[in-house]
Amino acid sequence: MPLRRSLLGLSAAVSGRLRRGLSTAAARPPWAMIFHAILDKTPGTRASFKLREPPCPSHVFVPDHLVDPGPRPDPDGEIMPLLGGGVSCTSDDGLLLFHFQDGRATAPIVGKHGKGWARQVIGLDMDPDTTRFVCNPISGELFRLPDIDGTKKTCFIKRFGLLTHSDRPDGPPDRYALAQLVDDKEGMEGSFLMRRFLSEAGEWEKLVGFQSPLPLAGRKHKDYGHDVLAFAGRLWWVDES
């Protein structure tokens, strides 16, 4: 499903902070696979990368005060924090979407393990707080996205596509769009709803009424979602069935 028309003619007020250096750097780093996004106790406002020679995995570090995780539980209690992040998607010209999830696990102490405790996990927080960022990997610039529907309880909203647009050929991105397409359980049978973020608007939209070209009988993974690829100025949803 193309989003190109939604991007043309939009201002760059928000995404301007992410432009510098993405497509104009004199020397680009080698390609990399990002394995983890890790919170780092630094006072800065930019991400930093620990790049390793491909195909070894690389890591990205984000200042933890930008995520503002919840209070840490008692380290000697039964509740164990679960805080981690990763890359949700990338645009075809290199912008990244990060997500961080801040949850809890019920894990009573059952013994010692080295200098720490050995625990047995008996329960997991299935709806952790989720925070998302768009990142320019060349400059490390970050833009924290607003919460979807005004809540951090959105870990179930996954599989976004990230599309950029430049006003100049081969220039840095002037604006971008994020979009997710899922089955609309409250709409007509076989219809989809889209959650979309446009950088010029700075807020999430919820669009309904999209119809699938695939017959209902052929859709075997209705509730699982679809992979999204950015290619040739459009987003493409891959039917996994």
C-alpha atoms as a PDB file:
ATOM      1  CA  MET A   1       0.000   0.000   0.000  1.00  0.00           C
ATOM      2  CA  PRO A   2       1.663   3.291  -1.096  1.00  0.00           C
ATOM      3  CA  LEU A   3       2.048   6.174   1.349  1.00  0.00           C
ATOM      4  CA  ARG A   4       3.800   8.490  -1.105  1.00  0.00           C
ATOM      5  CA  ARG A   5       0.793  10.785  -1.561  1.00  0.00           C
ATOM      6  CA  SER A   6       0.559  11.235   2.206  1.00  0.00           C
ATOM      7  CA  LEU A   7       4.112  12.578   2.291  1.00  0.00           C
ATOM      8  CA  LEU A   8       4.260  14.985  -0.663  1.00  0.00           C
ATOM      9  CA  GLY A   9       3.974  18.644   0.185  1.00  0.00           C
ATOM     10  CA  LEU A  10       4.473  18.223   3.930  1.00  0.00           C
ATOM     11  CA  SER A  11       6.716  20.490   6.010  1.00  0.00           C
ATOM     12  CA  ALA A  12       9.909  19.322   7.707  1.00  0.00           C
ATOM     13  CA  ALA A  13       9.349  21.026  11.080  1.00  0.00           C
ATOM     14  CA  VAL A  14       9.697  17.877  13.185  1.00  0.00           C
ATOM     15  CA  SER A  15      11.967  15.691  11.103  1.00  0.00           C
ATOM     16  CA  GLY A  16      14.513  18.460  10.510  1.00  0.00           C
ATOM     17  CA  ARG A  17      16.256  17.350  13.689  1.00  0.00           C
ATOM     18  CA  LEU A  18      16.951  13.980  12.088  1.00  0.00           C
ATOM     19  CA  ARG A  19      18.190  15.121   8.683  1.00  0.00           C
ATOM     20  CA  ARG A  20      21.777  16.188   9.101  1.00  0.00           C
ATOM     21  CA  GLY A  21      24.405  13.721   8.014  1.00  0.00           C
ATOM     22  CA  LEU A  22      22.243  10.821   6.914  1.00  0.00           C
ATOM     23  CA  SER A  23      22.835  11.142   3.174  1.00  0.00           C
ATOM     24  CA  THR A  24      25.550  13.808   3.094  1.00  0.00           C
ATOM     25  CA  ALA A  25      28.288  12.252   5.214  1.00  0.00           C
ATOM     26  CA  ALA A  26      31.649  12.221   3.463  1.00  0.00           C
ATOM     27  CA  ALA A  27      32.317   8.632   4.488  1.00  0.00           C
ATOM     28  CA  ARG A  28      29.558   6.256   5.452  1.00  0.00           C
ATOM     29  CA  PRO A  29      30.182   3.447   7.916  1.00  0.00           C
ATOM     30  CA  PRO A  30      29.943  -0.138   6.669  1.00  0.00           C
ATOM     31  CA  TRP A  31      26.597  -1.879   6.754  1.00  0.00           C
ATOM     32  CA  ALA A  32      25.680  -3.254  10.135  1.00  0.00           C
ATOM     33  CA  MET A  33      23.174  -5.527  11.845  1.00  0.00           C
ATOM     34  CA  ILE A  34      21.832  -4.053  15.096  1.00  0.00           C
ATOM     35  CA  PHE A  35      21.283  -6.789  17.682  1.00  0.00           C
ATOM     36  CA  HIS A  36      20.270  -4.824  20.808  1.00  0.00           C
ATOM     37  CA  ALA A  37      19.334  -1.286  21.758  1.00  0.00           C
ATOM     38  CA  ILE A  38      20.749  -0.723  25.242  1.00  0.00           C
ATOM     39  CA  LEU A  39      19.992   2.018  27.768  1.00  0.00           C
ATOM     40  CA  ASP A  40      23.134   3.856  28.839  1.00  0.00           C
ATOM     41  CA  LYS A  41      23.565   6.125  31.888  1.00  0.00           C
ATOM     42  CA  THR A  42      24.834   9.170  30.014  1.00  0.00           C
ATOM     43  CA  PRO A  43      23.553  12.760  30.132  1.00  0.00           C
ATOM     44  CA  GLY A  44      23.488  13.226  26.361  1.00  0.00           C
ATOM     45  CA  THR A  45      20.603  13.308  23.904  1.00  0.00           C
ATOM     46  CA  ARG A  46      22.040  11.206  21.070  1.00  0.00           C
ATOM     47  CA  ALA A  47      22.456   7.528  20.434  1.00  0.00           C
ATOM     48  CA  SER A  48      25.907   5.988  20.082  1.00  0.00           C
ATOM     49  CA  PHE A  49      26.825   2.823  18.227  1.00  0.00           C
ATOM     50  CA  LYS A  50      29.292   0.049  18.911  1.00  0.00           C
ATOM     51  CA  LEU A  51      29.849  -1.170  15.385  1.00  0.00           C
ATOM     52  CA  ARG A  52      31.379  -4.544  14.700  1.00  0.00           C
ATOM     53  CA  GLU A  53      32.665  -5.890  11.425  1.00  0.00           C
ATOM     54  CA  PRO A  54      29.780  -7.534   9.509  1.00  0.00           C
ATOM     55  CA  PRO A  55      28.328 -10.074   9.835  1.00  0.00           C
ATOM     56  CA  CYS A  56      28.912  -9.779  13.610  1.00  0.00           C
ATOM     57  CA  PRO A  57      26.054  -7.998  15.438  1.00  0.00           C
ATOM     58  CA  SER A  58      26.384  -4.365  16.478  1.00  0.00           C
ATOM     59  CA  HIS A  59      24.768  -2.529  19.407  1.00  0.00           C
ATOM     60  CA  VAL A  60      23.239   0.892  19.922  1.00  0.00           C
ATOM     61  CA  PHE A  61      23.247   2.820  23.215  1.00  0.00           C
ATOM     62  CA  VAL A  62      20.519   5.323  24.141  1.00  0.00           C
ATOM     63  CA  PRO A  63      20.633   7.675  27.194  1.00  0.00           C
ATOM     64  CA  ASP A  64      18.297   6.142  29.757  1.00  0.00           C
ATOM     65  CA  HIS A  65      16.837   9.489  30.866  1.00  0.00           C
ATOM     66  CA  LEU A  66      15.173   9.758  27.436  1.00  0.00           C
ATOM     67  CA  VAL A  67      13.156   6.616  28.160  1.00  0.00           C
ATOM     68  CA  ASP A  68      12.425   7.442  31.808  1.00  0.00           C
ATOM     69  CA  PRO A  69      11.913   3.848  33.029  1.00  0.00           C
ATOM     70  CA  GLY A  70       9.742   3.166  36.055  1.00  0.00           C
ATOM     71  CA  PRO A  71      11.065   2.737  39.620  1.00  0.00           C
ATOM     72  CA  ARG A  72      13.296  -0.280  40.075  1.00  0.00           C
ATOM     73  CA  PRO A  73      11.890  -2.975  42.387  1.00  0.00           C
ATOM     74  CA  ASP A  74      13.668  -4.144  45.522  1.00  0.00           C
ATOM     75  CA  PRO A  75      16.657  -6.205  44.267  1.00  0.00           C
ATOM     76  CA  ASP A  76      16.082  -8.710  47.071  1.00  0.00           C
ATOM     77  CA  GLY A  77      12.346  -9.027  46.460  1.00  0.00           C
ATOM     78  CA  GLU A  78      10.328 -11.355  44.227  1.00  0.00           C
ATOM     79  CA  ILE A  79       9.852  -8.843  41.401  1.00  0.00           C
ATOM     80  CA  MET A  80      12.555  -8.643  38.726  1.00  0.00           C
ATOM     81  CA  PRO A  81      12.758  -5.779  36.207  1.00  0.00           C
ATOM     82  CA  LEU A  82      12.655  -6.575  32.495  1.00  0.00           C
ATOM     83  CA  LEU A  83      13.979  -3.643  30.476  1.00  0.00           C
ATOM     84  CA  GLY A  84      15.233  -4.048  26.937  1.00  0.00           C
ATOM     85  CA  GLY A  85      15.124  -2.610  23.458  1.00  0.00           C
ATOM     86  CA  GLY A  86      15.666  -3.357  19.809  1.00  0.00           C
ATOM     87  CA  VAL A  87      15.193  -2.151  16.252  1.00  0.00           C
ATOM     88  CA  SER A  88      11.610  -2.429  15.021  1.00  0.00           C
ATOM     89  CA  CYS A  89      12.250  -1.427  11.403  1.00  0.00           C
ATOM     90  CA  THR A  90      14.428   0.645   9.090  1.00  0.00           C
ATOM     91  CA  SER A  91      13.743   2.857   6.083  1.00  0.00           C
ATOM     92  CA  ASP A  92      15.332   2.206   2.709  1.00  0.00           C
ATOM     93  CA  ASP A  93      17.741   5.104   3.306  1.00  0.00           C
ATOM     94  CA  GLY A  94      18.764   4.181   6.833  1.00  0.00           C
ATOM     95  CA  LEU A  95      16.546   5.790   9.480  1.00  0.00           C
ATOM     96  CA  LEU A  96      15.828   3.397  12.362  1.00  0.00           C
ATOM     97  CA  LEU A  97      12.825   2.846  14.604  1.00  0.00           C
ATOM     98  CA  PHE A  98      13.802   1.729  18.120  1.00  0.00           C
ATOM     99  CA  HIS A  99      11.504   0.372  20.798  1.00  0.00           C
ATOM    100  CA  PHE A 100      12.151  -0.046  24.530  1.00  0.00           C
ATOM    101  CA  GLN A 101       9.947  -2.160  26.794  1.00  0.00           C
ATOM    102  CA  ASP A 102       9.850  -1.705  30.570  1.00  0.00           C
ATOM    103  CA  GLY A 103       8.148  -4.615  32.340  1.00  0.00           C
ATOM    104  CA  ARG A 104       8.312  -6.895  35.362  1.00  0.00           C
ATOM    105  CA  ALA A 105       8.593 -10.611  36.096  1.00  0.00           C
ATOM    106  CA  THR A 106       7.580 -12.467  39.232  1.00  0.00           C
ATOM    107  CA  ALA A 107      10.743 -14.399  40.047  1.00  0.00           C
ATOM    108  CA  PRO A 108      11.267 -15.524  43.650  1.00  0.00           C
ATOM    109  CA  ILE A 109      14.832 -16.146  44.799  1.00  0.00           C
ATOM    110  CA  VAL A 110      15.686 -19.859  44.929  1.00  0.00           C
ATOM    111  CA  GLY A 111      19.414 -19.711  45.680  1.00  0.00           C
ATOM    112  CA  LYS A 112      22.752 -18.057  44.908  1.00  0.00           C
ATOM    113  CA  HIS A 113      24.422 -17.747  41.527  1.00  0.00           C
ATOM    114  CA  GLY A 114      27.967 -16.428  41.816  1.00  0.00           C
ATOM    115  CA  LYS A 115      27.698 -13.059  43.584  1.00  0.00           C
ATOM    116  CA  GLY A 116      24.011 -12.671  42.704  1.00  0.00           C
ATOM    117  CA  TRP A 117      20.704 -14.431  43.184  1.00  0.00           C
ATOM    118  CA  ALA A 118      19.307 -17.384  41.291  1.00  0.00           C
ATOM    119  CA  ARG A 119      15.619 -16.904  40.498  1.00  0.00           C
ATOM    120  CA  GLN A 120      12.736 -18.964  39.165  1.00  0.00           C
ATOM    121  CA  VAL A 121      10.435 -17.038  36.827  1.00  0.00           C
ATOM    122  CA  ILE A 122       6.796 -17.885  37.539  1.00  0.00           C
ATOM    123  CA  GLY A 123       5.028 -14.917  35.923  1.00  0.00           C
ATOM    124  CA  LEU A 124       5.627 -12.266  33.264  1.00  0.00           C
ATOM    125  CA  ASP A 125       4.236  -8.800  32.612  1.00  0.00           C
ATOM    126  CA  MET A 126       2.511  -9.325  29.256  1.00  0.00           C
ATOM    127  CA  ASP A 127       1.872  -5.608  28.643  1.00  0.00           C
ATOM    128  CA  PRO A 128       5.052  -3.665  29.501  1.00  0.00           C
ATOM    129  CA  ASP A 129       5.432   0.080  28.963  1.00  0.00           C
ATOM    130  CA  THR A 130       6.737   0.781  25.459  1.00  0.00           C
ATOM    131  CA  THR A 131       8.693   3.831  24.262  1.00  0.00           C
ATOM    132  CA  ARG A 132       9.689   4.404  20.626  1.00  0.00           C
ATOM    133  CA  PHE A 133      12.326   6.557  18.902  1.00  0.00           C
ATOM    134  CA  VAL A 134      13.245   7.396  15.323  1.00  0.00           C
ATOM    135  CA  CYS A 135      17.033   7.590  14.988  1.00  0.00           C
ATOM    136  CA  ASN A 136      19.486   8.932  12.433  1.00  0.00           C
ATOM    137  CA  PRO A 137      22.289   6.320  12.744  1.00  0.00           C
ATOM    138  CA  ILE A 138      24.941   8.593  11.204  1.00  0.00           C
ATOM    139  CA  SER A 139      24.502  11.543  13.561  1.00  0.00           C
ATOM    140  CA  GLY A 140      22.890   9.673  16.471  1.00  0.00           C
ATOM    141  CA  GLU A 141      19.995  12.173  16.566  1.00  0.00           C
ATOM    142  CA  LEU A 142      16.856  10.833  18.251  1.00  0.00           C
ATOM    143  CA  PHE A 143      13.206  11.825  18.104  1.00  0.00           C
ATOM    144  CA  ARG A 144      10.978  10.323  20.778  1.00  0.00           C
ATOM    145  CA  LEU A 145       7.597   9.442  19.334  1.00  0.00           C
ATOM    146  CA  PRO A 146       4.458  10.334  21.292  1.00  0.00           C
ATOM    147  CA  ASP A 147       2.603   7.510  23.025  1.00  0.00           C
ATOM    148  CA  ILE A 148       0.019   5.788  20.840  1.00  0.00           C
ATOM    149  CA  ASP A 149      -3.542   6.489  22.031  1.00  0.00           C
ATOM    150  CA  GLY A 150      -2.028   8.342  24.997  1.00  0.00           C
ATOM    151  CA  THR A 151      -0.711   5.210  26.707  1.00  0.00           C
ATOM    152  CA  LYS A 152       2.564   3.307  26.970  1.00  0.00           C
ATOM    153  CA  LYS A 153       0.682  -0.014  27.049  1.00  0.00           C
ATOM    154  CA  THR A 154       1.193  -0.606  23.347  1.00  0.00           C
ATOM    155  CA  CYS A 155       3.607  -3.535  23.125  1.00  0.00           C
ATOM    156  CA  PHE A 156       0.979  -5.354  21.012  1.00  0.00           C
ATOM    157  CA  ILE A 157       1.365  -2.701  18.276  1.00  0.00           C
ATOM    158  CA  LYS A 158       4.237  -4.085  16.239  1.00  0.00           C
ATOM    159  CA  ARG A 159       5.537  -4.468  12.707  1.00  0.00           C
ATOM    160  CA  PHE A 160       5.775  -0.882  11.531  1.00  0.00           C
ATOM    161  CA  GLY A 161       7.052   0.340   8.224  1.00  0.00           C
ATOM    162  CA  LEU A 162       9.213   3.482   7.999  1.00  0.00           C
ATOM    163  CA  LEU A 163       9.122   5.568   4.827  1.00  0.00           C
ATOM    164  CA  THR A 164      11.089   8.750   4.105  1.00  0.00           C
ATOM    165  CA  HIS A 165      10.868  11.451   1.461  1.00  0.00           C
ATOM    166  CA  SER A 166      13.488  13.936   0.267  1.00  0.00           C
ATOM    167  CA  ASP A 167      12.827  17.134  -1.685  1.00  0.00           C
ATOM    168  CA  ARG A 168      16.150  16.696  -3.487  1.00  0.00           C
ATOM    169  CA  PRO A 169      17.407  13.665  -5.434  1.00  0.00           C
ATOM    170  CA  ASP A 170      19.692  11.607  -3.186  1.00  0.00           C
ATOM    171  CA  GLY A 171      19.335  14.216  -0.441  1.00  0.00           C
ATOM    172  CA  PRO A 172      18.755  13.595   3.258  1.00  0.00           C
ATOM    173  CA  PRO A 173      15.158  12.842   4.313  1.00  0.00           C
ATOM    174  CA  ASP A 174      12.974  15.920   4.785  1.00  0.00           C
ATOM    175  CA  ARG A 175      10.060  14.007   6.335  1.00  0.00           C
ATOM    176  CA  TYR A 176       9.001  10.504   7.191  1.00  0.00           C
ATOM    177  CA  ALA A 177       5.975   8.346   7.903  1.00  0.00           C
ATOM    178  CA  LEU A 178       5.473   5.323  10.140  1.00  0.00           C
ATOM    179  CA  ALA A 179       2.593   2.960   9.479  1.00  0.00           C
ATOM    180  CA  GLN A 180       1.163  -0.296  10.773  1.00  0.00           C
ATOM    181  CA  LEU A 181      -1.625  -2.305   9.144  1.00  0.00           C
ATOM    182  CA  VAL A 182      -3.652  -4.858  11.149  1.00  0.00           C
ATOM    183  CA  ASP A 183      -6.998  -6.608  10.994  1.00  0.00           C
ATOM    184  CA  ASP A 184      -9.858  -4.362  12.055  1.00  0.00           C
ATOM    185  CA  LYS A 185     -11.749  -6.515  14.536  1.00  0.00           C
ATOM    186  CA  GLU A 186     -14.470  -3.871  14.896  1.00  0.00           C
ATOM    187  CA  GLY A 187     -14.946  -3.185  11.172  1.00  0.00           C
ATOM    188  CA  MET A 188     -16.187  -5.146   8.179  1.00  0.00           C
ATOM    189  CA  GLU A 189     -14.935  -8.687   7.751  1.00  0.00           C
ATOM    190  CA  GLY A 190     -11.638  -8.718   5.926  1.00  0.00           C
ATOM    191  CA  SER A 191     -10.906  -5.025   6.488  1.00  0.00           C
ATOM    192  CA  PHE A 192      -7.770  -3.443   7.954  1.00  0.00           C
ATOM    193  CA  LEU A 193      -7.025  -0.418  10.079  1.00  0.00           C
ATOM    194  CA  MET A 194      -3.870   1.647   9.845  1.00  0.00           C
ATOM    195  CA  ARG A 195      -1.990   3.484  12.576  1.00  0.00           C
ATOM    196  CA  ARG A 196       0.112   6.196  10.991  1.00  0.00           C
ATOM    197  CA  PHE A 197       2.556   8.831  12.222  1.00  0.00           C
ATOM    198  CA  LEU A 198       3.557  11.699   9.915  1.00  0.00           C
ATOM    199  CA  SER A 199       6.587  13.700  11.029  1.00  0.00           C
ATOM    200  CA  GLU A 200       5.037  17.008   9.972  1.00  0.00           C
ATOM    201  CA  ALA A 201       1.897  16.389  12.051  1.00  0.00           C
ATOM    202  CA  GLY A 202       3.690  15.004  15.118  1.00  0.00           C
ATOM    203  CA  GLU A 203       0.821  12.754  16.221  1.00  0.00           C
ATOM    204  CA  TRP A 204      -0.632   9.321  15.571  1.00  0.00           C
ATOM    205  CA  GLU A 205      -3.646   8.786  13.319  1.00  0.00           C
ATOM    206  CA  LYS A 206      -6.006   5.833  13.135  1.00  0.00           C
ATOM    207  CA  LEU A 207      -7.390   5.143   9.654  1.00  0.00           C
ATOM    208  CA  VAL A 208     -10.023   2.488   8.921  1.00  0.00           C
ATOM    209  CA  GLY A 209     -11.678   0.875   5.914  1.00  0.00           C
ATOM    210  CA  PHE A 210      -8.736  -0.647   4.052  1.00  0.00           C
ATOM    211  CA  GLN A 211      -9.691  -3.785   2.141  1.00  0.00           C
ATOM    212  CA  SER A 212      -7.426  -6.775   1.595  1.00  0.00           C
ATOM    213  CA  PRO A 213      -6.963  -8.044  -1.994  1.00  0.00           C
ATOM    214  CA  LEU A 214      -6.414 -11.549  -0.609  1.00  0.00           C
ATOM    215  CA  PRO A 215      -9.506 -13.776  -0.324  1.00  0.00           C
ATOM    216  CA  LEU A 216     -10.543 -14.451   3.256  1.00  0.00           C
ATOM    217  CA  ALA A 217     -10.111 -18.190   2.709  1.00  0.00           C
ATOM    218  CA  GLY A 218      -6.423 -17.663   1.956  1.00  0.00           C
ATOM    219  CA  ARG A 219      -5.599 -15.616   5.037  1.00  0.00           C
ATOM    220  CA  LYS A 220      -4.197 -18.112   7.508  1.00  0.00           C
ATOM    221  CA  HIS A 221      -2.581 -15.673   9.945  1.00  0.00           C
ATOM    222  CA  LYS A 222      -5.298 -13.102  10.557  1.00  0.00           C
ATOM    223  CA  ASP A 223      -4.089 -12.036  13.984  1.00  0.00           C
ATOM    224  CA  TYR A 224      -0.354 -12.411  13.520  1.00  0.00           C
ATOM    225  CA  GLY A 225       0.433  -9.324  11.465  1.00  0.00           C
ATOM    226  CA  HIS A 226       2.548  -8.793   8.377  1.00  0.00           C
ATOM    227  CA  ASP A 227       6.153  -7.882   7.693  1.00  0.00           C
ATOM    228  CA  VAL A 228       6.633  -4.432   6.146  1.00  0.00           C
ATOM    229  CA  LEU A 229       9.330  -3.422   3.663  1.00  0.00           C
ATOM    230  CA  ALA A 230      10.273   0.048   2.400  1.00  0.00           C
ATOM    231  CA  PHE A 231      11.216  -0.042  -1.277  1.00  0.00           C
ATOM    232  CA  ALA A 232      11.123   2.416  -4.192  1.00  0.00           C
ATOM    233  CA  GLY A 233       9.321   5.140  -2.259  1.00  0.00           C
ATOM    234  CA  ARG A 234       6.528   2.897  -0.974  1.00  0.00           C
ATOM    235  CA  LEU A 235       5.732   0.589   1.902  1.00  0.00           C
ATOM    236  CA  TRP A 236       4.910  -3.022   1.032  1.00  0.00           C
ATOM    237  CA  TRP A 237       3.054  -5.399   3.356  1.00  0.00           C
ATOM    238  CA  VAL A 238       4.165  -9.018   2.999  1.00  0.00           C
ATOM    239  CA  ASP A 239       1.432 -11.623   3.442  1.00  0.00           C
ATOM    240  CA  GLU A 240       3.065 -14.411   5.423  1.00  0.00           C
ATOM    241  CA  SER A 241       0.416 -17.001   4.634  1.00  0.00           C
END
